[in-house]
Protein backbone atom coordinates (compact mmCIF):
# COMPACT_ATOMS: atom_id res chain seq x y z
CA GLU A 1 210.35 231.68 -58.68
CA ASP A 2 213.98 231.72 -57.41
CA ALA A 3 214.39 228.05 -58.23
CA GLY A 4 216.67 227.25 -61.16
CA THR A 5 220.28 226.67 -62.26
CA TYR A 6 222.87 229.24 -61.18
CA MET A 7 226.33 229.64 -62.85
CA CYS A 8 229.49 230.98 -61.22
CA VAL A 9 232.28 232.31 -63.46
CA ALA A 10 235.85 232.78 -62.13
CA GLN A 11 238.45 234.50 -64.31
CA ASN A 12 242.13 235.57 -64.04
CA PRO A 13 244.95 236.09 -66.57
CA ALA A 14 245.63 232.36 -66.54
CA GLY A 15 242.13 231.36 -67.64
CA THR A 16 238.42 230.88 -66.79
CA ALA A 17 236.55 228.37 -64.64
CA LEU A 18 232.80 227.70 -64.54
CA GLY A 19 230.68 226.28 -61.75
CA LYS A 20 226.98 225.33 -61.78
CA ILE A 21 224.59 224.79 -58.92
CA LYS A 22 220.90 223.87 -59.02
CA LEU A 23 218.63 225.55 -56.48
CA LYS A 24 215.36 223.86 -55.45
CA VAL A 25 212.95 225.83 -53.31
CA GLN A 26 210.56 223.66 -51.33
CA VAL A 27 207.27 225.06 -50.08
CA PRO A 28 205.65 223.55 -46.96
CA PRO A 29 202.08 222.28 -47.55
CA VAL A 30 199.10 224.53 -46.89
CA ILE A 31 195.57 223.14 -46.76
CA LYS A 32 193.52 225.74 -48.60
CA SER A 33 190.02 225.09 -47.24
CA HIS A 34 187.99 222.57 -45.29
CA VAL A 35 184.54 222.07 -43.79
CA GLU A 36 184.47 221.86 -40.00
CA GLU A 37 181.39 219.62 -39.79
CA TYR A 38 179.42 217.27 -42.03
CA VAL A 39 175.99 216.01 -41.00
CA VAL A 40 174.58 213.23 -43.19
CA ALA A 41 171.99 210.48 -43.05
CA ALA A 42 172.86 206.79 -43.00
CA ASP A 43 173.34 204.98 -46.35
CA GLN A 44 174.38 208.23 -48.05
CA SER A 45 177.80 208.99 -49.54
CA VAL A 46 179.99 211.87 -48.41
CA THR A 47 183.23 213.40 -49.68
CA LEU A 48 185.50 215.06 -47.08
CA GLN A 49 187.59 217.73 -48.81
CA CYS A 50 191.36 218.25 -48.31
CA GLU A 51 192.79 220.53 -50.99
CA ALA A 52 196.47 221.26 -50.32
CA GLU A 53 199.21 223.28 -52.01
CA GLY A 54 203.00 222.96 -51.68
CA TYR A 55 206.19 222.02 -53.50
CA PRO A 56 206.90 219.26 -54.12
CA GLY A 57 203.25 218.24 -54.35
CA PRO A 58 202.22 216.99 -50.89
CA GLU A 59 201.06 213.48 -50.16
CA ILE A 60 197.68 213.21 -48.45
CA SER A 61 196.83 210.78 -45.66
CA TRP A 62 193.68 210.48 -43.51
CA HIS A 63 193.08 209.40 -39.92
CA LYS A 64 189.83 208.76 -38.05
CA ASP A 65 189.99 209.34 -34.32
CA GLY A 66 193.77 208.93 -34.50
CA GLN A 67 193.75 205.69 -36.54
CA ARG A 68 195.07 205.75 -40.12
CA ILE A 69 192.40 205.04 -42.73
CA THR A 70 193.24 202.42 -45.33
CA GLU A 71 191.37 202.24 -48.61
CA SER A 72 188.53 199.72 -48.79
CA MET A 73 185.28 199.07 -50.64
CA ARG A 74 183.65 201.97 -48.76
CA SER A 75 186.52 204.46 -48.45
CA ARG A 76 189.10 205.81 -50.87
CA VAL A 77 191.31 208.87 -51.28
CA LEU A 78 190.61 210.69 -54.54
CA SER A 79 193.25 212.29 -56.76
CA THR A 80 192.28 215.67 -55.28
CA GLY A 81 193.15 214.43 -51.78
CA ALA A 82 189.49 214.23 -50.72
CA LEU A 83 188.28 211.20 -48.76
CA GLN A 84 185.18 209.56 -50.23
CA LEU A 85 183.04 207.44 -47.91
CA LEU A 86 180.25 205.32 -49.42
CA PHE A 87 177.05 204.20 -47.67
CA VAL A 88 178.05 205.70 -44.33
CA GLN A 89 176.68 204.26 -41.09
CA PRO A 90 176.36 205.75 -37.57
CA GLU A 91 179.60 204.02 -36.55
CA ASP A 92 181.42 206.09 -39.20
CA SER A 93 180.80 209.21 -37.09
CA GLY A 94 183.94 210.74 -35.63
CA ARG A 95 186.82 213.16 -36.12
CA TYR A 96 188.58 212.88 -39.47
CA THR A 97 192.06 214.43 -39.85
CA CYS A 98 193.71 215.16 -43.17
CA THR A 99 197.53 215.43 -43.25
CA ALA A 100 199.40 216.95 -46.19
CA ALA A 101 203.18 216.32 -46.11
CA ASN A 102 206.25 216.92 -48.27
CA PRO A 103 210.01 217.24 -47.49
CA ALA A 104 209.50 220.87 -46.42
CA GLY A 105 206.94 220.14 -43.72
CA SER A 106 203.35 219.13 -43.08
CA SER A 107 199.91 220.59 -42.40
CA THR A 108 196.79 219.08 -40.82
CA SER A 109 193.08 219.83 -40.87
CA SER A 110 190.23 218.14 -39.01
CA THR A 111 186.48 217.82 -39.57
CA GLU A 112 183.68 216.20 -37.60
CA LEU A 113 181.38 213.71 -39.35
CA ALA A 114 177.98 212.98 -37.80
CA VAL A 115 175.95 210.14 -39.32
CA HIS A 116 172.33 209.74 -38.29
CA GLY A 117 170.45 206.53 -38.80
CA GLY A 118 167.73 205.88 -41.36
CA PRO A 119 167.64 209.72 -44.83
CA ALA A 120 165.51 210.15 -40.00
CA ARG A 121 163.22 213.09 -39.03
CA ALA A 122 161.82 216.34 -40.29
CA LYS A 123 160.49 219.30 -38.36
CA GLY A 124 159.34 222.79 -39.13
CA SER A 125 156.67 225.44 -38.99
CA ILE A 126 153.69 226.25 -41.21
CA ILE A 127 152.15 229.73 -41.36
CA GLY A 128 149.60 231.44 -43.59
CA ASN A 129 145.91 231.27 -44.35
CA ILE A 130 143.56 228.82 -46.03
CA ASN A 131 140.04 229.77 -47.09
CA ASP A 132 140.59 233.18 -45.45
CA VAL A 133 141.30 231.49 -42.08
CA GLU A 134 144.57 232.64 -40.50
CA PHE A 135 145.92 229.71 -38.49
CA GLY A 136 148.92 231.28 -36.74
CA ILE A 137 151.76 228.78 -36.55
CA ALA A 138 151.25 225.07 -37.08
CA PHE A 139 154.06 222.65 -36.31
CA LEU A 140 155.28 219.76 -38.47
CA ASN A 141 157.08 216.69 -37.15
CA ALA A 142 157.83 213.59 -39.18
CA THR A 143 159.75 210.33 -38.84
CA VAL A 144 161.13 208.19 -41.67
CA THR A 145 161.79 204.45 -41.55
CA ASP A 146 162.48 201.70 -44.09
CA SER A 147 159.48 199.55 -44.93
CA PRO A 148 160.11 195.91 -43.91
CA ASP A 149 157.82 194.49 -46.63
CA SER A 150 158.37 196.80 -49.61
CA ASP A 151 161.13 198.75 -51.37
CA THR A 152 159.93 202.07 -49.95
CA ARG A 153 160.42 204.39 -47.02
CA VAL A 154 157.56 205.12 -44.66
CA ILE A 155 156.95 208.76 -43.75
CA GLN A 156 154.73 209.36 -40.72
CA ALA A 157 153.98 213.02 -40.15
CA LYS A 158 151.85 215.04 -37.78
CA ILE A 159 150.85 218.69 -38.14
CA THR A 160 149.66 220.20 -34.86
CA ASN A 161 147.88 223.43 -33.96
CA VAL A 162 145.54 223.13 -36.95
CA PRO A 163 142.18 224.93 -36.39
CA ARG A 164 139.11 222.69 -36.40
CA THR A 165 137.65 224.72 -39.26
CA LEU A 166 140.60 223.64 -41.45
CA GLY A 167 141.69 220.29 -40.06
CA PRO A 168 139.26 218.03 -41.94
CA ALA A 169 140.00 219.77 -45.26
CA MET A 170 143.76 219.47 -44.74
CA ARG A 171 143.53 215.69 -44.79
CA LYS A 172 143.67 215.85 -48.59
CA LEU A 173 146.60 218.33 -48.64
CA VAL A 174 149.34 215.69 -48.93
CA SER A 175 151.41 218.12 -51.02
CA ILE A 176 152.26 220.05 -47.88
CA LEU A 177 154.61 217.14 -47.14
CA SER A 178 156.12 216.94 -50.63
CA PRO A 179 159.58 218.20 -49.55
CA VAL A 180 159.68 215.57 -46.79
CA TYR A 181 158.84 212.54 -48.90
CA TRP A 182 160.91 213.77 -51.88
CA THR A 183 163.94 214.32 -49.63
CA THR A 184 163.68 210.92 -47.93
CA ALA A 185 162.15 208.65 -50.63
CA LYS A 186 163.75 205.24 -51.11
CA GLU A 187 166.19 205.46 -54.03
CA ILE A 188 165.71 202.76 -56.67
CA GLY A 189 168.71 202.06 -58.90
CA GLU A 190 170.76 205.18 -59.60
CA ALA A 191 167.90 207.62 -58.93
CA MET A 192 168.53 210.46 -56.46
CA ASN A 193 166.11 211.69 -53.83
CA GLY A 194 166.07 215.29 -52.69
CA PHE A 195 168.69 214.77 -49.99
CA THR A 196 171.23 213.16 -52.28
CA LEU A 197 170.71 215.80 -54.97
CA THR A 198 170.57 218.98 -52.86
CA ASP A 199 171.91 218.12 -49.38
CA ALA A 200 168.39 219.10 -48.23
CA VAL A 201 168.88 222.79 -49.05
CA PHE A 202 166.34 224.03 -51.61
CA LYS A 203 163.29 226.22 -52.24
CA ARG A 204 160.07 224.79 -53.59
CA GLU A 205 157.12 226.77 -54.99
CA THR A 206 153.90 224.76 -55.27
CA GLN A 207 150.49 225.53 -56.77
CA VAL A 208 147.55 223.20 -56.07
CA GLU A 209 144.50 223.45 -58.33
CA PHE A 210 141.19 221.75 -57.63
CA ALA A 211 138.83 220.79 -60.44
CA THR A 212 136.22 223.05 -58.80
CA GLY A 213 138.42 226.14 -59.30
CA GLU A 214 140.14 226.67 -55.95
CA ILE A 215 143.88 227.46 -56.00
CA LEU A 216 146.27 227.07 -53.09
CA ARG A 217 149.93 228.18 -53.16
CA MET A 218 152.73 226.97 -50.92
CA THR A 219 156.37 227.95 -50.48
CA HIS A 220 158.69 225.40 -48.87
CA VAL A 221 162.18 226.37 -47.75
CA ALA A 222 164.44 223.46 -46.70
CA ARG A 223 167.45 224.55 -44.61
CA GLY A 224 169.42 221.31 -44.40
CA LEU A 225 169.80 219.09 -41.33
CA ASP A 226 170.20 220.15 -37.72
CA ALA A 227 172.76 218.65 -35.34
CA ASP A 228 170.41 215.72 -34.67
CA GLY A 229 169.95 214.93 -38.37
CA ALA A 230 166.41 216.36 -38.69
CA LEU A 231 165.38 218.11 -41.91
CA LEU A 232 164.54 221.76 -41.15
CA LEU A 233 161.55 223.05 -43.09
CA ASP A 234 159.58 226.31 -43.22
CA VAL A 235 156.24 226.45 -45.07
CA VAL A 236 154.04 229.41 -46.07
CA VAL A 237 150.51 228.62 -47.33
CA SER A 238 147.91 230.92 -48.88
CA GLY A 239 144.78 230.53 -50.98
CA HIS A 240 141.70 228.35 -51.05
CA MET A 241 140.95 224.63 -51.09
CA LEU A 242 137.80 222.63 -51.65
CA GLN A 243 135.62 222.09 -48.59
CA LEU A 244 132.83 219.52 -48.68
CA GLN A 245 129.57 219.69 -46.82
CA SER A 246 129.69 217.70 -43.58
CA GLN A 247 133.39 217.09 -44.28
CA LEU A 248 134.15 216.84 -40.56
CA MET A 249 132.60 213.38 -40.56
CA ALA A 250 133.46 212.54 -44.18
CA ARG A 251 135.83 209.66 -44.78
CA VAL A 252 138.66 210.87 -47.03
CA LEU A 253 140.43 208.29 -49.21
CA LEU A 254 143.66 209.31 -50.97
CA GLN A 255 144.69 207.27 -53.99
CA ASP A 256 148.26 206.24 -54.83
CA TYR A 257 149.94 208.68 -57.19
CA THR A 258 153.20 209.57 -58.91
CA GLU A 259 155.15 212.81 -59.25
CA ASP A 260 157.42 213.36 -62.26
CA TYR A 261 160.55 215.44 -61.60
CA ILE A 262 162.13 217.01 -64.71
CA GLN A 263 165.55 218.70 -64.80
CA THR A 264 164.87 222.01 -66.59
CA GLY A 265 168.30 223.59 -66.03
CA PRO A 266 171.27 223.81 -63.62
CA GLY A 267 169.84 223.80 -60.10
CA GLN A 268 166.26 223.81 -61.42
CA LEU A 269 163.53 221.16 -61.40
CA HIS A 270 159.89 221.06 -62.40
CA ALA A 271 157.56 218.51 -60.85
CA HIS A 272 153.87 217.82 -61.39
CA SER A 273 151.19 215.39 -60.30
CA THR A 274 147.48 214.74 -60.75
CA ARG A 275 145.36 212.66 -58.44
CA LEU A 276 141.97 212.00 -56.92
CA PHE A 277 140.60 212.02 -53.42
CA ALA A 278 137.26 210.53 -52.48
CA ALA A 279 135.06 211.82 -49.66
CA ASP A 280 131.87 209.94 -48.87
CA GLY A 281 131.85 208.43 -52.35
CA VAL A 282 132.47 211.72 -54.21
CA SER A 283 135.64 211.64 -56.33
CA VAL A 284 137.35 214.99 -56.88
CA PRO A 285 140.44 215.39 -59.14
CA TYR A 286 143.11 217.93 -58.35
CA THR A 287 146.63 218.68 -59.54
CA TRP A 288 149.78 220.44 -58.41
CA ASN A 289 152.94 221.79 -59.96
CA HIS A 290 156.28 222.37 -58.26
CA THR A 291 159.21 224.59 -59.18
CA ILE A 292 162.36 223.65 -57.25
CA THR A 293 165.61 225.62 -57.12
CA TYR A 294 168.85 224.53 -55.42
CA ASP A 295 172.60 225.17 -55.54
CA SER A 296 173.60 224.37 -59.13
CA SER A 297 177.08 223.26 -57.97
CA LYS A 298 175.39 220.14 -56.52
CA GLY A 299 174.94 218.90 -60.10
CA ARG A 300 171.98 217.36 -61.88
CA MET A 301 169.73 214.35 -61.48
CA PRO A 302 171.21 211.24 -63.12
CA PHE A 303 168.18 211.11 -65.45
CA LEU A 304 166.21 213.79 -67.30
CA VAL A 305 163.05 212.56 -65.56
CA GLN A 306 162.65 210.80 -62.22
CA THR A 307 159.33 209.47 -60.94
CA LEU A 308 158.39 209.51 -57.27
CA ARG A 309 155.71 207.05 -56.18
CA ALA A 310 153.53 207.63 -53.13
CA ALA A 311 151.42 204.69 -51.95
CA SER A 312 149.37 203.40 -49.01
CA ILE A 313 148.42 206.95 -48.01
CA THR A 314 146.33 207.56 -44.91
CA ALA A 315 145.22 210.86 -43.39
CA GLN A 316 143.34 211.54 -40.17
CA TYR A 317 142.31 214.64 -38.22
CA ASN A 318 142.00 214.60 -34.45
CA PRO A 319 139.83 217.56 -33.38
CA LEU A 320 140.77 217.16 -29.71
CA GLU A 321 144.49 217.43 -30.45
CA GLU A 322 143.90 219.77 -33.41
CA ALA A 323 146.33 217.59 -35.35
CA VAL A 324 146.43 216.09 -38.85
CA ALA A 325 148.34 212.81 -39.18
CA PHE A 326 149.65 211.39 -42.48
CA LYS A 327 151.33 208.14 -43.44
CA ILE A 328 152.96 207.67 -46.87
CA HIS A 329 155.16 205.03 -48.51
CA ALA A 330 157.56 206.73 -50.95
CA SER A 331 160.19 205.65 -53.49
CA ILE A 332 161.91 207.36 -56.42
CA ALA A 333 163.19 205.80 -59.63
CA LYS A 334 164.17 206.61 -63.19
CA GLY A 335 161.27 208.14 -65.09
CA ILE A 336 160.07 207.00 -68.48
CA VAL A 337 160.32 209.44 -71.39
CA LEU A 338 159.14 207.98 -74.68
CA GLY A 339 160.35 209.12 -78.09
CA LEU A 340 162.71 211.91 -77.00
CA PRO A 341 165.81 212.61 -79.14
CA ARG A 342 169.28 212.16 -77.67
CA ASN A 343 170.45 215.65 -78.68
CA PRO A 344 170.84 217.55 -75.35
CA ALA A 345 169.90 220.85 -77.00
CA VAL A 346 166.59 219.39 -78.17
CA LEU A 347 165.94 217.94 -74.71
CA VAL A 348 166.27 221.40 -73.18
CA LEU A 349 163.71 222.76 -75.66
CA LEU A 350 161.32 219.90 -74.91
CA SER A 351 161.52 220.57 -71.17
CA ALA A 352 159.33 223.63 -71.85
CA ASP A 353 156.36 221.29 -72.38
CA ILE A 354 153.01 222.37 -73.81
CA ASP A 355 150.20 221.57 -71.37
CA GLU A 356 147.45 220.09 -73.53
CA CYS A 357 145.27 219.85 -70.43
CA GLU A 358 144.90 223.64 -70.30
CA SER A 359 142.11 223.27 -72.85
CA ARG A 360 138.82 222.16 -71.31
CA ASP A 361 138.01 220.23 -74.51
CA THR A 362 141.04 217.90 -74.33
CA CYS A 363 139.38 215.25 -72.12
CA GLN A 364 135.82 214.58 -71.08
CA HIS A 365 136.83 213.77 -67.49
CA GLU A 366 140.32 214.13 -66.01
CA CYS A 367 143.35 215.12 -68.12
CA ARG A 368 146.91 214.29 -67.04
CA ASN A 369 149.68 216.21 -68.78
CA SER A 370 153.11 214.63 -69.32
CA LEU A 371 156.28 215.63 -71.16
CA GLY A 372 155.30 215.76 -74.83
CA SER A 373 151.95 214.03 -74.32
CA PHE A 374 148.80 213.74 -72.19
CA GLN A 375 146.38 211.08 -70.95
CA CYS A 376 142.63 211.05 -70.34
CA VAL A 377 141.56 209.15 -67.23
CA CYS A 378 138.40 208.49 -65.25
CA PRO A 379 137.63 208.90 -61.56
CA ALA A 380 137.95 205.78 -59.41
CA GLY A 381 135.23 203.25 -60.09
CA TYR A 382 134.71 204.31 -63.70
CA ARG A 383 136.34 203.46 -67.03
CA LEU A 384 136.53 205.11 -70.42
């Protein structure tokens, strides 16, 4: 605030003289904040922050492991001074240093970037009770790879320490893995999976309803990635699920299905799905609804609705290992919403959808609710 033009006045009986001098006060740069470590999965984009203050405005430069970074197709310095890296790969891991400089001085700040190959692994714990059976702590481990013959990612998961009284029934509980395959699903076009949208930090409340009346509730808490790039997940389960007679030996077939994700507000999503499983020729419909909350500063999905597709699903229970194994192919793409107005205010109102399927008279067999509509469908092997 002392900067400006100063005037000196000299006077004597012979006259007056004036002198002017301009004072400029330079302020050395100060980097206001930075993140010490970023952990991301391969093929994702990351923005390394470097917000600096000073006068004159400082110029920002970046170095990786001591080598100056030049702008390219995959890296550029934004107007804010941040460094944006697109489609990062494991070789992009390293120490990134931001330097802010002006004539008064300079300031530096460093951050570590760790890139792990292939949106990689998930691990966590599952506690609670199913059908009044308390199962202590079960353990979830999953791996994710790109499918060589389809535009999907393959999630292979194993849940261990599952009691034999519950293991066969849990083969149809694919929704217990919903945070894993939503977070890592192959992104089609501009669609975002759970990792891109939330940085794998979110809470998910799920309710599973079987056509025979049983209700099972699950709470998933995703806590980001650990130092090795694995998604950290905690699950609490409670309620009841359908158990079939002689289900230990029953062959369970899980059909392909879709989940629609709808942006209902800042940091809020609603998702729902309806599907069938078949055990020894008996087809049973069931449905689940998800409510997802995450940090609203992460922004919104690029589309009002995104559709996740799960295909080629297999599930097995090994009574000797007390383990349930799943395999799922997953992808996520822009969802289809027919006949919705473009007015954003109306879209928000429509996101509070009426569920026509709540009435038992809507469909004779299975009813699938969708945004602003519904569909009647038949079990596998039948047609309307």
